[in-house]
Amino acid sequence: MATTDLTTNSYHSLNTLNQSIQAFVEFAHVIPGEDRFAPLLLVLADRLESDFTAMRNDAIKLWGPVESKRERAER
């Protein structure tokens, strides 16, 4: 049960982090190109997005398959 709770909490945390990253990415794309920080924000947004995707994929691999209630009862 604790493993399932931890997996669920981690899943929700990753989704929340993804929403924050997506908000930053959208913000970086609406900054006018004339702004001196626009290129930096675009690079940071791209880097955050790609690093998050790699981290999320690694986390999903670590979770492995989740047992159903029936499978746990059969043990």
Protein backbone atom coordinates (compact mmCIF):
# COMPACT_ATOMS: atom_id res chain seq x y z
CA MET A 1 0.00 0.00 0.00
CA ALA A 2 2.79 2.43 0.86
CA THR A 3 4.45 1.81 -2.50
CA THR A 4 1.22 2.61 -4.33
CA ASP A 5 0.75 5.78 -2.26
CA LEU A 6 4.32 6.86 -2.95
CA THR A 7 3.87 6.19 -6.66
CA THR A 8 0.60 8.12 -6.71
CA ASN A 9 2.10 11.05 -4.82
CA SER A 10 5.14 11.07 -7.12
CA TYR A 11 2.87 10.96 -10.16
CA HIS A 12 0.87 13.95 -8.93
CA SER A 13 4.04 15.86 -8.05
CA LEU A 14 5.46 15.25 -11.52
CA ASN A 15 2.23 16.45 -13.12
CA THR A 16 2.27 19.62 -10.99
CA LEU A 17 5.89 20.27 -11.90
CA ASN A 18 5.08 19.69 -15.56
CA GLN A 19 2.31 22.30 -15.39
CA SER A 20 4.74 24.83 -13.89
CA ILE A 21 7.32 24.12 -16.59
CA GLN A 22 4.71 24.44 -19.32
CA ALA A 23 3.61 27.79 -17.89
CA PHE A 24 7.23 28.99 -17.98
CA VAL A 25 7.63 27.74 -21.56
CA GLU A 26 4.50 29.61 -22.63
CA PHE A 27 5.70 32.74 -20.82
CA ALA A 28 9.09 32.54 -22.55
CA HIS A 29 7.37 32.39 -25.94
CA VAL A 30 5.28 35.53 -25.39
CA ILE A 31 8.22 37.72 -24.42
CA PRO A 32 8.89 40.12 -27.31
CA GLY A 33 12.00 39.27 -29.31
CA GLU A 34 13.34 42.76 -28.69
CA ASP A 35 13.61 42.08 -24.96
CA ARG A 36 17.25 41.49 -24.04
CA PHE A 37 16.32 38.47 -21.90
CA ALA A 38 14.12 36.75 -24.49
CA PRO A 39 16.86 34.47 -25.89
CA LEU A 40 17.96 33.44 -22.40
CA LEU A 41 14.40 32.61 -21.33
CA LEU A 42 13.82 30.56 -24.47
CA VAL A 43 17.00 28.55 -23.90
CA LEU A 44 16.14 28.00 -20.23
CA ALA A 45 12.59 26.96 -21.08
CA ASP A 46 13.80 24.46 -23.66
CA ARG A 47 16.40 23.04 -21.28
CA LEU A 48 13.92 22.72 -18.40
CA GLU A 49 11.41 21.00 -20.64
CA SER A 50 13.90 18.47 -21.99
CA ASP A 51 15.47 17.76 -18.58
CA PHE A 52 12.03 17.25 -17.06
CA THR A 53 11.02 14.84 -19.80
CA ALA A 54 14.14 12.76 -19.18
CA MET A 55 13.57 12.79 -15.41
CA ARG A 56 9.89 11.84 -15.79
CA ASN A 57 10.77 8.92 -18.08
CA ASP A 58 13.38 7.67 -15.60
CA ALA A 59 10.90 7.94 -12.71
CA ILE A 60 8.26 5.98 -14.63
CA LYS A 61 10.78 3.19 -15.28
CA LEU A 62 11.57 3.03 -11.56
CA TRP A 63 7.93 2.59 -10.59
CA GLY A 64 7.57 -0.61 -12.56
CA PRO A 65 4.25 -2.41 -12.92
CA VAL A 66 1.69 -1.84 -10.17
CA GLU A 67 0.03 -4.86 -8.61
CA SER A 68 -3.74 -5.01 -8.63
CA LYS A 69 -5.69 -5.72 -5.43
CA ARG A 70 -6.37 -9.23 -6.73
CA GLU A 71 -2.65 -9.90 -7.31
CA ARG A 72 -1.81 -8.71 -3.78
CA ALA A 73 -4.54 -10.91 -2.30
CA GLU A 74 -3.21 -13.95 -4.16
CA ARG A 75 0.23 -13.62 -2.58
